[in-house]
Amino acid sequence: MNYNDELIEHLLEYNVITEAEKITKQKYDTSSLTQRVAACNFIIRGKKLTKELRANMDTYKGMRFLDFVNVVMYQGFKPVYNETFKGREGTEVFLVYYHPTKGIALTVESFGGQLVNRAVMYYNWVPNQMDGDWQRAAGSGKLDSTGLVWAGHCEVGEAFKFKLDLMHRKGFFAQQWVLQPYVALWNYMEAKMSKELDMINKKKMSMLPEDVRKAMMA
């Protein structure tokens, strides 16, 4: 891990509230001073993190949608599903990408037609459990019944490349899934307006290429 990666990791893990409480010696919930310090910490941290991520040609908050897509495709992901939908700010795009050798599915949707609203990758990952801190790379999820495979997901609108590289250092991805994490294939308007999210999910899953569906069906 180089200096840039170490700084990115530090900034990602930096807790603005905890650090503010250390400075003021007062609890965040009851101290307006601590709240103001935390707000300043949040802004400073965000600027530093964005600077380092951009220098690393990684994804960052406020990134343009097409620039994000270029980063994803440069990492070997292939588009397997796309749709347009009417959002709050006009026409939006929801895309699904898939990595054919790593078995990673990645969803990304636009906001305002130009920025990234949300991006998530889903995977089966085999951590090196001899590595005592493998869980910091795992994202959200759980181990399968064997205790060997982590079925998980993580947000990648920020630090996508860093998180992918960290998982490579701490384990390897399983191309064929053995336990399916919950893969959310709805867009943000469907999430707000529909009560049939499971039906939407099943419909869109059926529209993925057959080889992708088979790899994702544990």
Protein backbone atom coordinates (compact mmCIF):
# COMPACT_ATOMS: atom_id res chain seq x y z
CA MET A 1 0.00 0.00 0.00
CA ASN A 2 1.49 3.32 -1.06
CA TYR A 3 1.20 6.66 0.71
CA ASN A 4 -1.78 7.73 -1.40
CA ASP A 5 -3.68 4.55 -0.49
CA GLU A 6 -2.83 4.96 3.19
CA LEU A 7 -4.14 8.52 3.16
CA ILE A 8 -7.33 7.50 1.34
CA GLU A 9 -7.94 4.73 3.87
CA HIS A 10 -7.37 7.13 6.76
CA LEU A 11 -9.80 9.67 5.31
CA LEU A 12 -12.46 7.03 4.60
CA GLU A 13 -12.27 5.80 8.19
CA TYR A 14 -12.06 9.27 9.73
CA ASN A 15 -15.04 9.83 12.04
CA VAL A 16 -15.80 13.56 12.05
CA ILE A 17 -18.01 13.38 15.15
CA THR A 18 -15.56 11.35 17.25
CA GLU A 19 -12.71 13.65 16.31
CA ALA A 20 -14.81 16.74 17.09
CA GLU A 21 -15.63 15.35 20.53
CA LYS A 22 -11.93 14.81 21.18
CA ILE A 23 -11.26 18.47 20.40
CA THR A 24 -14.11 20.01 22.43
CA LYS A 25 -14.32 17.37 25.20
CA GLN A 26 -18.11 17.65 24.80
CA LYS A 27 -20.73 15.26 23.42
CA TYR A 28 -21.97 15.91 19.89
CA ASP A 29 -25.65 15.48 20.82
CA THR A 30 -25.61 18.22 23.45
CA SER A 31 -22.91 20.63 22.28
CA SER A 32 -23.45 23.17 19.50
CA LEU A 33 -19.69 23.80 19.49
CA THR A 34 -18.98 20.12 18.84
CA GLN A 35 -21.58 20.11 16.09
CA ARG A 36 -19.90 23.09 14.38
CA VAL A 37 -16.45 21.48 14.68
CA ALA A 38 -17.82 18.25 13.23
CA ALA A 39 -19.33 20.18 10.31
CA CYS A 40 -15.97 21.81 9.61
CA ASN A 41 -14.24 18.42 9.88
CA PHE A 42 -16.72 16.98 7.38
CA ILE A 43 -15.99 19.69 4.81
CA ILE A 44 -12.20 19.49 5.24
CA ARG A 45 -12.21 15.69 5.11
CA GLY A 46 -14.37 15.72 1.98
CA LYS A 47 -12.09 18.10 0.13
CA LYS A 48 -8.95 16.14 1.04
CA LEU A 49 -10.53 12.82 0.10
CA THR A 50 -11.79 14.09 -3.24
CA LYS A 51 -8.34 15.48 -4.04
CA GLU A 52 -6.63 12.15 -3.30
CA LEU A 53 -9.23 10.07 -5.15
CA ARG A 54 -9.01 12.28 -8.23
CA ALA A 55 -5.20 12.01 -8.15
CA ASN A 56 -5.65 8.22 -8.06
CA MET A 57 -8.16 8.35 -10.98
CA ASP A 58 -10.72 6.82 -8.63
CA THR A 59 -14.40 7.62 -8.12
CA TYR A 60 -15.43 10.49 -5.86
CA LYS A 61 -18.56 12.32 -4.70
CA GLY A 62 -19.80 14.79 -7.27
CA MET A 63 -18.19 12.85 -10.14
CA ARG A 64 -19.79 13.15 -13.56
CA PHE A 65 -21.76 10.06 -14.57
CA LEU A 66 -19.85 9.38 -17.79
CA ASP A 67 -16.52 9.73 -15.99
CA PHE A 68 -17.68 7.16 -13.43
CA VAL A 69 -18.70 4.77 -16.20
CA ASN A 70 -15.27 5.13 -17.80
CA VAL A 71 -13.56 4.13 -14.54
CA VAL A 72 -15.83 1.09 -14.22
CA MET A 73 -15.25 -0.09 -17.78
CA TYR A 74 -11.50 0.46 -17.48
CA GLN A 75 -11.56 -2.06 -14.62
CA GLY A 76 -12.95 -4.70 -16.98
CA PHE A 77 -16.68 -4.44 -16.28
CA LYS A 78 -19.13 -4.97 -19.15
CA PRO A 79 -22.60 -3.40 -19.52
CA VAL A 80 -25.37 -6.01 -19.22
CA TYR A 81 -28.51 -3.91 -18.63
CA ASN A 82 -29.61 -0.32 -19.18
CA GLU A 83 -32.78 1.68 -18.80
CA THR A 84 -33.87 5.30 -18.84
CA PHE A 85 -36.53 6.65 -16.49
CA LYS A 86 -38.16 9.94 -15.60
CA GLY A 87 -36.56 11.32 -12.45
CA ARG A 88 -37.01 14.43 -10.38
CA GLU A 89 -34.55 16.36 -12.56
CA GLY A 90 -35.47 14.97 -15.96
CA THR A 91 -34.41 11.80 -17.78
CA GLU A 92 -32.14 9.50 -15.77
CA VAL A 93 -30.16 6.35 -16.53
CA PHE A 94 -29.88 3.10 -14.55
CA LEU A 95 -27.14 0.68 -15.62
CA VAL A 96 -25.91 -2.75 -14.55
CA TYR A 97 -22.32 -3.83 -15.20
CA TYR A 98 -20.78 -7.26 -14.69
CA HIS A 99 -17.18 -8.44 -14.40
CA PRO A 100 -16.97 -11.75 -16.29
CA THR A 101 -13.99 -13.20 -14.38
CA LYS A 102 -14.60 -11.77 -10.92
CA GLY A 103 -18.36 -12.35 -10.82
CA ILE A 104 -19.06 -8.82 -9.56
CA ALA A 105 -22.32 -7.07 -10.44
CA LEU A 106 -22.36 -3.27 -10.24
CA THR A 107 -25.35 -0.96 -10.44
CA VAL A 108 -25.17 2.79 -11.02
CA GLU A 109 -27.83 5.42 -11.63
CA SER A 110 -27.62 9.06 -12.61
CA PHE A 111 -29.05 12.15 -10.97
CA GLY A 112 -29.78 15.26 -12.97
CA GLY A 113 -28.65 13.30 -16.02
CA GLN A 114 -25.01 14.14 -15.38
CA LEU A 115 -23.97 13.11 -11.85
CA VAL A 116 -23.86 9.77 -10.03
CA ASN A 117 -26.72 9.28 -7.60
CA ARG A 118 -25.82 5.84 -6.26
CA ALA A 119 -23.44 3.07 -7.22
CA VAL A 120 -23.20 -0.35 -5.53
CA MET A 121 -21.24 -3.50 -6.27
CA TYR A 122 -22.42 -6.99 -5.28
CA TYR A 123 -20.21 -10.04 -4.97
CA ASN A 124 -19.22 -13.36 -3.50
CA TRP A 125 -15.77 -12.96 -2.00
CA VAL A 126 -13.47 -15.42 -0.28
CA PRO A 127 -11.49 -13.58 2.40
CA ASN A 128 -8.10 -14.70 3.62
CA GLN A 129 -9.22 -15.39 7.17
CA MET A 130 -5.61 -15.69 8.29
CA ASP A 131 -5.55 -11.94 7.78
CA GLY A 132 -6.83 -10.61 11.08
CA ASP A 133 -8.48 -7.49 9.67
CA TRP A 134 -10.10 -8.91 6.51
CA GLN A 135 -13.51 -7.66 7.64
CA ARG A 136 -12.57 -4.03 6.99
CA ALA A 137 -12.49 -4.91 3.29
CA ALA A 138 -15.67 -7.01 3.24
CA GLY A 139 -18.45 -4.41 3.03
CA SER A 140 -21.94 -5.30 4.24
CA GLY A 141 -23.09 -8.90 4.05
CA LYS A 142 -22.59 -12.29 5.67
CA LEU A 143 -20.66 -15.55 5.40
CA ASP A 144 -22.27 -18.56 3.77
CA SER A 145 -22.98 -21.78 5.68
CA THR A 146 -19.39 -23.00 5.18
CA GLY A 147 -17.99 -19.85 6.75
CA LEU A 148 -15.71 -19.37 3.74
CA VAL A 149 -17.57 -17.14 1.26
CA TRP A 150 -18.77 -13.61 2.01
CA ALA A 151 -21.91 -12.60 0.10
CA GLY A 152 -21.89 -8.85 0.25
CA HIS A 153 -22.22 -5.41 -1.24
CA CYS A 154 -20.67 -1.99 -0.81
CA GLU A 155 -21.19 1.55 -2.04
CA VAL A 156 -18.66 2.50 -4.72
CA GLY A 157 -19.72 6.00 -5.68
CA GLU A 158 -16.64 6.97 -3.72
CA ALA A 159 -13.28 5.11 -3.76
CA PHE A 160 -14.36 2.29 -6.07
CA LYS A 161 -10.84 1.39 -7.20
CA PHE A 162 -9.46 1.61 -3.67
CA LYS A 163 -12.13 -0.74 -2.30
CA LEU A 164 -11.66 -3.19 -5.18
CA ASP A 165 -7.89 -3.25 -4.68
CA LEU A 166 -8.27 -3.70 -0.92
CA MET A 167 -10.51 -6.73 -1.45
CA HIS A 168 -7.96 -8.20 -3.86
CA ARG A 169 -5.27 -7.84 -1.20
CA LYS A 170 -7.45 -9.46 1.47
CA GLY A 171 -8.95 -12.32 -0.56
CA PHE A 172 -10.36 -13.20 -3.98
CA PHE A 173 -13.69 -12.99 -5.78
CA ALA A 174 -15.75 -16.08 -6.64
CA GLN A 175 -16.95 -16.00 -10.25
CA GLN A 176 -19.82 -18.39 -9.48
CA TRP A 177 -21.89 -17.23 -6.54
CA VAL A 178 -22.69 -19.73 -3.79
CA LEU A 179 -24.88 -17.34 -1.77
CA GLN A 180 -26.74 -14.48 -3.40
CA PRO A 181 -26.68 -11.13 -1.60
CA TYR A 182 -29.80 -9.04 -2.04
CA VAL A 183 -29.21 -7.24 -5.33
CA ALA A 184 -31.29 -4.06 -5.66
CA LEU A 185 -32.12 -3.49 -9.32
CA TRP A 186 -34.70 -0.74 -8.88
CA ASN A 187 -34.03 2.90 -9.60
CA TYR A 188 -34.60 5.69 -7.08
CA MET A 189 -38.01 6.63 -8.47
CA GLU A 190 -39.23 3.03 -8.24
CA ALA A 191 -37.95 2.86 -4.67
CA LYS A 192 -40.04 5.93 -3.77
CA MET A 193 -43.20 5.10 -5.67
CA SER A 194 -43.58 1.32 -5.82
CA LYS A 195 -44.61 -1.25 -3.23
CA GLU A 196 -43.60 -4.10 -5.56
CA LEU A 197 -39.82 -3.86 -5.35
CA ASP A 198 -39.36 -7.64 -5.25
CA MET A 199 -41.40 -7.98 -8.45
CA ILE A 200 -39.35 -5.24 -10.11
CA ASN A 201 -36.17 -6.99 -9.00
CA LYS A 202 -37.25 -10.35 -10.42
CA LYS A 203 -38.30 -8.78 -13.72
CA LYS A 204 -35.00 -6.99 -14.22
CA MET A 205 -32.99 -10.03 -13.12
CA SER A 206 -34.75 -12.03 -15.85
CA MET A 207 -33.60 -9.44 -18.40
CA LEU A 208 -29.90 -9.94 -17.68
CA PRO A 209 -27.87 -12.13 -20.07
CA GLU A 210 -28.27 -15.84 -19.34
CA ASP A 211 -24.62 -16.40 -18.40
CA VAL A 212 -24.76 -13.52 -15.92
CA ARG A 213 -28.00 -14.82 -14.35
CA LYS A 214 -26.52 -18.31 -13.98
CA ALA A 215 -23.38 -16.97 -12.32
CA MET A 216 -25.44 -14.89 -9.89
CA MET A 217 -28.00 -17.58 -9.08
CA ALA A 218 -26.54 -19.38 -6.08
